[in-house]
N, C-alpha and C. Protein backbone atom coordinates (compact mmCIF):
# COMPACT_ATOMS: atom_id res chain seq x y z
N MET A 1 -8.68 -19.76 0.31
CA MET A 1 -8.80 -18.43 0.86
C MET A 1 -10.26 -18.00 0.83
N GLU A 2 -10.69 -17.31 1.85
CA GLU A 2 -12.07 -16.83 1.96
C GLU A 2 -12.32 -15.73 0.93
N ASN A 3 -13.41 -15.82 0.23
CA ASN A 3 -13.78 -14.79 -0.74
C ASN A 3 -14.52 -13.67 -0.03
N LEU A 4 -14.23 -12.44 -0.41
CA LEU A 4 -14.93 -11.30 0.16
C LEU A 4 -16.25 -11.12 -0.55
N GLU A 5 -17.27 -10.72 0.19
CA GLU A 5 -18.55 -10.43 -0.43
C GLU A 5 -18.42 -9.13 -1.22
N ALA A 6 -19.15 -9.04 -2.30
CA ALA A 6 -19.09 -7.85 -3.13
C ALA A 6 -19.63 -6.65 -2.36
N PRO A 7 -18.82 -5.63 -2.15
CA PRO A 7 -19.29 -4.44 -1.46
C PRO A 7 -19.99 -3.50 -2.44
N GLU A 8 -20.56 -2.42 -1.93
CA GLU A 8 -21.20 -1.44 -2.80
C GLU A 8 -20.16 -0.60 -3.53
N THR A 9 -18.94 -0.65 -3.10
CA THR A 9 -17.86 0.11 -3.70
C THR A 9 -16.73 -0.83 -4.09
N ASP A 10 -15.77 -0.31 -4.82
CA ASP A 10 -14.65 -1.14 -5.26
C ASP A 10 -13.47 -1.07 -4.30
N PHE A 11 -13.65 -0.42 -3.16
CA PHE A 11 -12.57 -0.20 -2.19
C PHE A 11 -13.16 -0.21 -0.79
N TRP A 12 -12.50 -0.94 0.12
CA TRP A 12 -13.02 -0.99 1.48
C TRP A 12 -11.88 -1.12 2.48
N PHE A 13 -12.14 -0.62 3.70
CA PHE A 13 -11.21 -0.75 4.81
C PHE A 13 -11.52 -2.05 5.54
N LEU A 14 -10.50 -2.71 6.04
CA LEU A 14 -10.65 -3.99 6.73
C LEU A 14 -10.16 -3.87 8.17
N GLU A 15 -10.73 -4.68 9.04
CA GLU A 15 -10.31 -4.71 10.44
C GLU A 15 -9.13 -5.66 10.66
N VAL A 16 -9.09 -6.73 9.89
CA VAL A 16 -8.02 -7.73 10.02
C VAL A 16 -7.54 -8.12 8.63
N PRO A 17 -6.30 -8.60 8.52
CA PRO A 17 -5.81 -9.03 7.20
C PRO A 17 -6.63 -10.19 6.66
N LYS A 18 -6.93 -10.14 5.37
CA LYS A 18 -7.67 -11.21 4.70
C LYS A 18 -6.78 -12.00 3.75
N HIS A 19 -5.50 -11.68 3.72
CA HIS A 19 -4.56 -12.38 2.84
C HIS A 19 -3.29 -12.67 3.65
N PRO A 20 -2.71 -13.87 3.52
CA PRO A 20 -1.54 -14.23 4.32
C PRO A 20 -0.32 -13.35 4.09
N THR A 21 -0.14 -12.82 2.89
CA THR A 21 1.01 -11.94 2.63
C THR A 21 0.86 -10.65 3.42
N VAL A 22 -0.34 -10.11 3.46
CA VAL A 22 -0.60 -8.88 4.23
C VAL A 22 -0.42 -9.16 5.71
N ALA A 23 -0.91 -10.29 6.19
CA ALA A 23 -0.76 -10.66 7.61
C ALA A 23 0.72 -10.80 7.96
N ARG A 24 1.49 -11.43 7.08
CA ARG A 24 2.93 -11.60 7.32
C ARG A 24 3.64 -10.24 7.41
N PHE A 25 3.27 -9.33 6.52
CA PHE A 25 3.89 -8.01 6.56
C PHE A 25 3.50 -7.25 7.82
N LEU A 26 2.25 -7.33 8.23
CA LEU A 26 1.81 -6.65 9.46
C LEU A 26 2.57 -7.19 10.67
N THR A 27 2.78 -8.48 10.73
CA THR A 27 3.57 -9.08 11.82
C THR A 27 4.99 -8.54 11.81
N TYR A 28 5.60 -8.48 10.64
CA TYR A 28 6.97 -7.96 10.51
C TYR A 28 7.04 -6.50 10.96
N TRP A 29 6.13 -5.66 10.47
CA TRP A 29 6.12 -4.24 10.83
C TRP A 29 5.96 -4.09 12.34
N THR A 30 5.06 -4.87 12.93
CA THR A 30 4.81 -4.81 14.37
C THR A 30 6.06 -5.21 15.16
N GLU A 31 6.74 -6.26 14.72
CA GLU A 31 7.99 -6.67 15.39
C GLU A 31 9.04 -5.58 15.30
N LYS A 32 9.18 -4.95 14.16
CA LYS A 32 10.17 -3.88 13.97
C LYS A 32 9.81 -2.63 14.77
N ARG A 33 8.54 -2.42 14.99
CA ARG A 33 8.09 -1.27 15.78
C ARG A 33 8.51 -1.40 17.23
N GLY A 34 8.40 -2.60 17.78
CA GLY A 34 8.72 -2.79 19.19
C GLY A 34 7.79 -1.98 20.05
N THR A 35 8.35 -1.17 20.94
CA THR A 35 7.55 -0.36 21.85
C THR A 35 7.29 1.05 21.32
N ARG A 36 7.83 1.35 20.15
CA ARG A 36 7.65 2.68 19.54
C ARG A 36 6.31 2.76 18.82
N ALA A 37 5.92 3.95 18.46
CA ALA A 37 4.67 4.15 17.71
C ALA A 37 4.76 3.52 16.32
N TYR A 38 5.93 3.59 15.71
CA TYR A 38 6.17 2.99 14.39
C TYR A 38 7.67 2.83 14.21
N PRO A 39 8.07 1.91 13.35
CA PRO A 39 9.51 1.68 13.15
C PRO A 39 10.15 2.78 12.32
N ASP A 40 11.47 2.78 12.31
CA ASP A 40 12.25 3.68 11.47
C ASP A 40 12.51 2.97 10.14
N ARG A 41 12.65 3.73 9.08
CA ARG A 41 12.94 3.14 7.76
C ARG A 41 14.16 2.23 7.83
N ALA A 42 15.16 2.61 8.61
CA ALA A 42 16.39 1.81 8.72
C ALA A 42 16.15 0.45 9.38
N ASP A 43 15.03 0.31 10.09
CA ASP A 43 14.69 -0.97 10.72
C ASP A 43 14.19 -2.01 9.71
N ILE A 44 13.72 -1.55 8.58
CA ILE A 44 13.15 -2.44 7.56
C ILE A 44 14.28 -2.95 6.68
N LEU A 45 14.59 -4.23 6.81
CA LEU A 45 15.70 -4.83 6.08
C LEU A 45 15.18 -5.74 4.97
N PRO A 46 15.49 -5.42 3.72
CA PRO A 46 15.02 -6.26 2.61
C PRO A 46 15.35 -7.75 2.80
N ALA A 47 16.50 -8.06 3.38
CA ALA A 47 16.89 -9.46 3.58
C ALA A 47 15.91 -10.19 4.50
N ASP A 48 15.20 -9.45 5.36
CA ASP A 48 14.23 -10.06 6.28
C ASP A 48 12.93 -10.45 5.57
N ILE A 49 12.64 -9.80 4.45
CA ILE A 49 11.32 -9.97 3.82
C ILE A 49 11.44 -10.30 2.33
N VAL A 50 12.45 -11.05 1.97
CA VAL A 50 12.69 -11.37 0.56
C VAL A 50 11.44 -11.86 -0.17
N PRO A 51 10.66 -12.81 0.39
CA PRO A 51 9.48 -13.27 -0.35
C PRO A 51 8.41 -12.19 -0.55
N LEU A 52 8.44 -11.16 0.28
CA LEU A 52 7.44 -10.09 0.19
C LEU A 52 7.84 -8.96 -0.75
N LEU A 53 9.13 -8.87 -1.10
CA LEU A 53 9.64 -7.72 -1.85
C LEU A 53 8.88 -7.42 -3.15
N PRO A 54 8.45 -8.41 -3.92
CA PRO A 54 7.70 -8.07 -5.14
C PRO A 54 6.38 -7.34 -4.86
N HIS A 55 5.92 -7.39 -3.62
CA HIS A 55 4.63 -6.79 -3.25
C HIS A 55 4.79 -5.50 -2.43
N VAL A 56 6.03 -5.08 -2.17
CA VAL A 56 6.30 -3.94 -1.29
C VAL A 56 6.28 -2.62 -2.06
N VAL A 57 5.75 -1.62 -1.40
CA VAL A 57 5.81 -0.25 -1.90
C VAL A 57 6.22 0.66 -0.74
N ILE A 58 7.14 1.58 -1.03
CA ILE A 58 7.61 2.56 -0.04
C ILE A 58 7.41 3.95 -0.62
N TYR A 59 6.91 4.86 0.20
CA TYR A 59 6.62 6.22 -0.23
C TYR A 59 7.31 7.23 0.68
N ASP A 60 7.60 8.40 0.13
CA ASP A 60 7.95 9.57 0.91
C ASP A 60 6.65 10.35 1.13
N VAL A 61 6.47 10.89 2.32
CA VAL A 61 5.33 11.75 2.60
C VAL A 61 5.62 13.12 1.99
N VAL A 62 4.68 13.66 1.24
CA VAL A 62 4.84 14.95 0.56
C VAL A 62 3.79 15.92 1.09
N ASP A 63 4.23 17.12 1.41
CA ASP A 63 3.33 18.20 1.79
C ASP A 63 2.39 17.80 2.93
N GLY A 64 2.97 17.25 4.00
CA GLY A 64 2.18 16.91 5.18
C GLY A 64 1.12 15.85 4.95
N GLY A 65 1.36 14.94 4.01
CA GLY A 65 0.42 13.86 3.76
C GLY A 65 -0.63 14.17 2.71
N LYS A 66 -0.51 15.30 2.03
CA LYS A 66 -1.45 15.60 0.95
C LYS A 66 -1.17 14.75 -0.27
N ASP A 67 0.08 14.33 -0.41
CA ASP A 67 0.46 13.46 -1.52
C ASP A 67 1.61 12.57 -1.03
N PHE A 68 1.98 11.62 -1.84
CA PHE A 68 3.04 10.66 -1.49
C PHE A 68 3.81 10.33 -2.75
N ARG A 69 5.15 10.26 -2.65
CA ARG A 69 5.99 9.91 -3.79
C ARG A 69 6.50 8.49 -3.61
N VAL A 70 6.34 7.67 -4.65
CA VAL A 70 6.78 6.28 -4.61
C VAL A 70 8.30 6.20 -4.73
N ARG A 71 8.92 5.50 -3.80
CA ARG A 71 10.37 5.24 -3.84
C ARG A 71 10.65 3.82 -4.30
N VAL A 72 9.82 2.88 -3.88
CA VAL A 72 9.95 1.47 -4.27
C VAL A 72 8.56 0.98 -4.67
N PHE A 73 8.47 0.32 -5.81
CA PHE A 73 7.20 -0.21 -6.28
C PHE A 73 7.47 -1.62 -6.78
N GLY A 74 7.07 -2.61 -6.00
CA GLY A 74 7.39 -4.01 -6.27
C GLY A 74 6.95 -4.49 -7.64
N THR A 75 7.71 -5.43 -8.17
CA THR A 75 7.46 -5.94 -9.52
C THR A 75 6.09 -6.62 -9.65
N ALA A 76 5.62 -7.28 -8.61
CA ALA A 76 4.30 -7.92 -8.67
C ALA A 76 3.19 -6.86 -8.74
N ILE A 77 3.42 -5.72 -8.11
CA ILE A 77 2.43 -4.65 -8.16
C ILE A 77 2.44 -4.01 -9.55
N VAL A 78 3.62 -3.82 -10.12
CA VAL A 78 3.72 -3.28 -11.48
C VAL A 78 2.92 -4.16 -12.43
N GLU A 79 3.12 -5.46 -12.32
CA GLU A 79 2.42 -6.40 -13.20
C GLU A 79 0.90 -6.31 -12.97
N LEU A 80 0.48 -6.22 -11.73
CA LEU A 80 -0.94 -6.18 -11.40
C LEU A 80 -1.62 -4.91 -11.92
N VAL A 81 -0.99 -3.76 -11.72
CA VAL A 81 -1.64 -2.50 -12.09
C VAL A 81 -1.31 -2.04 -13.50
N GLY A 82 -0.29 -2.63 -14.12
CA GLY A 82 0.05 -2.28 -15.49
C GLY A 82 0.76 -0.95 -15.64
N GLU A 83 1.48 -0.54 -14.58
CA GLU A 83 2.16 0.75 -14.64
C GLU A 83 3.33 0.74 -13.65
N GLU A 84 4.50 1.13 -14.11
CA GLU A 84 5.65 1.32 -13.22
C GLU A 84 5.49 2.69 -12.57
N ARG A 85 5.39 2.72 -11.25
CA ARG A 85 5.09 3.97 -10.56
C ARG A 85 6.24 4.50 -9.71
N THR A 86 7.39 3.86 -9.77
CA THR A 86 8.54 4.36 -9.02
C THR A 86 8.83 5.79 -9.44
N GLY A 87 8.98 6.68 -8.45
CA GLY A 87 9.25 8.09 -8.70
C GLY A 87 8.01 8.95 -8.87
N MET A 88 6.85 8.33 -9.05
CA MET A 88 5.61 9.09 -9.26
C MET A 88 4.99 9.54 -7.94
N LEU A 89 4.26 10.64 -8.02
CA LEU A 89 3.36 11.03 -6.95
C LEU A 89 2.06 10.26 -7.13
N ILE A 90 1.34 10.04 -6.03
CA ILE A 90 0.03 9.39 -6.12
C ILE A 90 -0.85 10.17 -7.12
N SER A 91 -0.74 11.48 -7.10
CA SER A 91 -1.55 12.31 -7.98
C SER A 91 -1.23 12.12 -9.46
N GLU A 92 -0.20 11.35 -9.78
CA GLU A 92 0.17 11.06 -11.17
C GLU A 92 -0.21 9.64 -11.60
N PHE A 93 -0.71 8.83 -10.67
CA PHE A 93 -1.04 7.43 -10.98
C PHE A 93 -2.09 7.32 -12.07
N GLY A 94 -1.92 6.29 -12.90
CA GLY A 94 -2.93 5.91 -13.87
C GLY A 94 -2.82 6.54 -15.24
N HIS A 95 -2.01 7.55 -15.39
CA HIS A 95 -1.93 8.25 -16.67
C HIS A 95 -1.06 7.53 -17.70
N SER A 96 -0.17 6.65 -17.26
CA SER A 96 0.69 5.94 -18.22
C SER A 96 0.46 4.43 -18.15
N ALA A 97 -0.66 4.01 -17.59
CA ALA A 97 -0.96 2.59 -17.44
C ALA A 97 -1.12 1.92 -18.80
N LYS A 98 -0.67 0.67 -18.87
CA LYS A 98 -0.80 -0.12 -20.09
C LYS A 98 -2.16 -0.80 -20.18
N LEU A 99 -2.93 -0.70 -19.11
CA LEU A 99 -4.29 -1.25 -19.07
C LEU A 99 -5.28 -0.09 -19.08
N PRO A 100 -6.50 -0.30 -19.54
CA PRO A 100 -7.50 0.77 -19.43
C PRO A 100 -7.66 1.12 -17.94
N THR A 101 -7.53 2.38 -17.61
CA THR A 101 -7.52 2.77 -16.20
C THR A 101 -8.26 4.09 -16.00
N GLN A 102 -8.92 4.20 -14.87
CA GLN A 102 -9.56 5.45 -14.46
C GLN A 102 -8.64 6.11 -13.44
N PRO A 103 -7.77 7.03 -13.87
CA PRO A 103 -6.75 7.59 -12.98
C PRO A 103 -7.28 8.16 -11.67
N HIS A 104 -8.40 8.87 -11.71
CA HIS A 104 -8.89 9.50 -10.48
C HIS A 104 -9.35 8.46 -9.46
N ALA A 105 -9.95 7.37 -9.92
CA ALA A 105 -10.37 6.30 -9.01
C ALA A 105 -9.14 5.62 -8.39
N VAL A 106 -8.14 5.37 -9.22
CA VAL A 106 -6.90 4.75 -8.73
C VAL A 106 -6.24 5.65 -7.68
N GLN A 107 -6.10 6.91 -8.00
CA GLN A 107 -5.47 7.86 -7.08
C GLN A 107 -6.24 7.95 -5.77
N ARG A 108 -7.56 7.98 -5.85
CA ARG A 108 -8.40 8.09 -4.64
C ARG A 108 -8.15 6.92 -3.70
N ARG A 109 -8.14 5.70 -4.22
CA ARG A 109 -7.94 4.52 -3.38
C ARG A 109 -6.58 4.55 -2.69
N TRP A 110 -5.53 4.80 -3.46
CA TRP A 110 -4.19 4.82 -2.87
C TRP A 110 -4.06 5.95 -1.85
N ARG A 111 -4.55 7.14 -2.18
CA ARG A 111 -4.43 8.28 -1.28
C ARG A 111 -5.25 8.06 0.00
N ASP A 112 -6.47 7.54 -0.12
CA ASP A 112 -7.31 7.31 1.06
C ASP A 112 -6.64 6.36 2.05
N SER A 113 -6.06 5.29 1.53
CA SER A 113 -5.37 4.32 2.38
C SER A 113 -4.17 4.95 3.07
N LEU A 114 -3.34 5.63 2.30
CA LEU A 114 -2.13 6.23 2.88
C LEU A 114 -2.45 7.34 3.85
N GLN A 115 -3.40 8.20 3.52
CA GLN A 115 -3.75 9.29 4.42
C GLN A 115 -4.35 8.78 5.72
N ALA A 116 -5.13 7.73 5.67
CA ALA A 116 -5.70 7.16 6.90
C ALA A 116 -4.59 6.66 7.81
N SER A 117 -3.59 6.00 7.26
CA SER A 117 -2.48 5.51 8.07
C SER A 117 -1.61 6.67 8.57
N TYR A 118 -1.36 7.63 7.71
CA TYR A 118 -0.55 8.80 8.09
C TYR A 118 -1.21 9.58 9.23
N LYS A 119 -2.51 9.81 9.12
CA LYS A 119 -3.23 10.61 10.12
C LYS A 119 -3.34 9.89 11.47
N THR A 120 -3.52 8.57 11.44
CA THR A 120 -3.69 7.83 12.70
C THR A 120 -2.37 7.34 13.27
N GLY A 121 -1.35 7.20 12.42
CA GLY A 121 -0.08 6.64 12.87
C GLY A 121 -0.13 5.14 13.06
N HIS A 122 -1.14 4.50 12.49
CA HIS A 122 -1.35 3.05 12.63
C HIS A 122 -1.44 2.39 11.25
N PRO A 123 -1.20 1.10 11.21
CA PRO A 123 -1.41 0.37 9.95
C PRO A 123 -2.88 0.44 9.54
N VAL A 124 -3.12 0.53 8.25
CA VAL A 124 -4.47 0.54 7.70
C VAL A 124 -4.55 -0.58 6.67
N LEU A 125 -5.53 -1.44 6.87
CA LEU A 125 -5.76 -2.58 5.98
C LEU A 125 -6.88 -2.24 5.01
N VAL A 126 -6.68 -2.59 3.74
CA VAL A 126 -7.66 -2.28 2.71
C VAL A 126 -7.82 -3.45 1.75
N GLY A 127 -8.89 -3.42 1.02
CA GLY A 127 -9.13 -4.39 -0.04
C GLY A 127 -9.94 -3.73 -1.12
N GLY A 128 -10.02 -4.39 -2.25
CA GLY A 128 -10.80 -3.82 -3.33
C GLY A 128 -10.85 -4.71 -4.54
N ARG A 129 -11.51 -4.20 -5.55
CA ARG A 129 -11.61 -4.87 -6.83
C ARG A 129 -10.93 -3.99 -7.88
N MET A 130 -10.36 -4.63 -8.88
CA MET A 130 -9.64 -3.90 -9.93
C MET A 130 -10.63 -3.36 -10.96
N SER A 131 -11.69 -2.71 -10.50
CA SER A 131 -12.73 -2.21 -11.39
C SER A 131 -12.24 -1.02 -12.22
N SER A 132 -11.29 -0.26 -11.71
CA SER A 132 -10.81 0.90 -12.46
C SER A 132 -10.02 0.48 -13.70
N SER A 133 -9.59 -0.79 -13.75
CA SER A 133 -8.92 -1.30 -14.94
C SER A 133 -9.80 -2.32 -15.67
N GLN A 134 -11.10 -2.23 -15.39
CA GLN A 134 -12.10 -3.09 -16.02
C GLN A 134 -11.84 -4.58 -15.74
N ARG A 135 -11.30 -4.87 -14.54
CA ARG A 135 -11.07 -6.25 -14.11
C ARG A 135 -11.63 -6.46 -12.71
N PRO A 136 -12.94 -6.25 -12.49
CA PRO A 136 -13.51 -6.35 -11.15
C PRO A 136 -13.45 -7.76 -10.57
N TYR A 137 -13.14 -8.75 -11.39
CA TYR A 137 -13.00 -10.12 -10.92
C TYR A 137 -11.70 -10.33 -10.14
N ILE A 138 -10.77 -9.37 -10.21
CA ILE A 138 -9.53 -9.47 -9.43
C ILE A 138 -9.73 -8.72 -8.12
N VAL A 139 -9.61 -9.44 -7.01
CA VAL A 139 -9.70 -8.84 -5.68
C VAL A 139 -8.28 -8.67 -5.16
N TRP A 140 -7.97 -7.49 -4.65
CA TRP A 140 -6.64 -7.21 -4.11
C TRP A 140 -6.76 -6.87 -2.63
N HIS A 141 -5.63 -7.02 -1.93
CA HIS A 141 -5.54 -6.70 -0.51
C HIS A 141 -4.28 -5.87 -0.30
N GLY A 142 -4.34 -4.96 0.65
CA GLY A 142 -3.17 -4.13 0.91
C GLY A 142 -3.11 -3.65 2.34
N ILE A 143 -1.98 -3.06 2.65
CA ILE A 143 -1.76 -2.47 3.96
C ILE A 143 -0.84 -1.26 3.78
N SER A 144 -1.12 -0.20 4.52
CA SER A 144 -0.27 0.99 4.57
C SER A 144 0.16 1.18 6.02
N CYS A 145 1.47 1.39 6.21
CA CYS A 145 2.02 1.54 7.56
C CYS A 145 2.98 2.73 7.60
N PRO A 146 2.96 3.47 8.71
CA PRO A 146 3.86 4.62 8.83
C PRO A 146 5.28 4.21 9.22
N LEU A 147 6.24 5.04 8.81
CA LEU A 147 7.65 4.89 9.17
C LEU A 147 8.23 6.26 9.51
N SER A 148 9.16 6.28 10.44
CA SER A 148 9.96 7.48 10.63
C SER A 148 11.18 7.35 9.72
N ASP A 149 11.98 8.39 9.70
CA ASP A 149 13.20 8.35 8.90
C ASP A 149 14.30 9.05 9.69
N GLY A 150 14.63 8.44 10.83
CA GLY A 150 15.66 9.01 11.68
C GLY A 150 15.14 10.03 12.68
N GLY A 151 13.85 10.08 12.90
CA GLY A 151 13.26 11.02 13.85
C GLY A 151 12.02 10.44 14.47
N ASN A 152 11.16 11.32 14.99
CA ASN A 152 9.92 10.88 15.62
C ASN A 152 8.69 11.09 14.75
N ASP A 153 8.83 11.83 13.65
CA ASP A 153 7.69 12.12 12.79
C ASP A 153 7.55 11.06 11.70
N ILE A 154 6.34 10.91 11.20
CA ILE A 154 6.10 10.02 10.07
C ILE A 154 6.60 10.73 8.82
N GLN A 155 7.61 10.16 8.19
CA GLN A 155 8.18 10.76 6.99
C GLN A 155 8.08 9.84 5.78
N LYS A 156 7.80 8.57 6.04
CA LYS A 156 7.68 7.59 4.97
C LYS A 156 6.50 6.67 5.29
N MET A 157 6.04 5.99 4.26
CA MET A 157 5.00 4.99 4.42
C MET A 157 5.50 3.73 3.71
N ILE A 158 5.06 2.58 4.21
CA ILE A 158 5.42 1.31 3.60
C ILE A 158 4.19 0.42 3.60
N GLY A 159 4.12 -0.45 2.63
CA GLY A 159 3.00 -1.37 2.60
C GLY A 159 3.23 -2.48 1.59
N VAL A 160 2.23 -3.32 1.48
CA VAL A 160 2.23 -4.37 0.46
C VAL A 160 0.87 -4.36 -0.22
N MET A 161 0.87 -4.86 -1.45
CA MET A 161 -0.37 -5.06 -2.19
C MET A 161 -0.25 -6.40 -2.90
N VAL A 162 -1.32 -7.19 -2.83
CA VAL A 162 -1.31 -8.52 -3.43
C VAL A 162 -2.71 -8.84 -3.94
N ALA A 163 -2.78 -9.57 -5.03
CA ALA A 163 -4.06 -10.00 -5.57
C ALA A 163 -4.38 -11.40 -5.08
N GLU A 164 -5.68 -11.68 -4.95
CA GLU A 164 -6.14 -13.03 -4.59
C GLU A 164 -5.85 -13.97 -5.73
């Protein structure tokens, strides 16, 4: 796998997927979208993406995209970040982590990615280093994608996160 050059920051937006798991998820989301702006939550079938499930996160949009509540937080992500975040708001991330963590930095990265996707209605690809948990040697990749929930508005977000 191609190594990313060290950026000036620990978080960056990407134009194309740099990890095969993220690319696979983007292909799946695009297929489920079809000709619509984004797929419906009911279109996403766990049986279709079994190998990706440990890396999947699903959120409810809260207060017009000012915050997001985690509904599903994959086991591989829990292991990577050191915190079970199911049921949490993004604004609560990092406070119960089992690893040394800078909560505000963690929250900023997750919120920036989700808000960019929510505002544009398009998938947003991101990458970064686990510097907020004092592990900058771990490079991660992610994607945030919008979902409807039985209507035309973005009411949920879905994505994956994986470490190199």
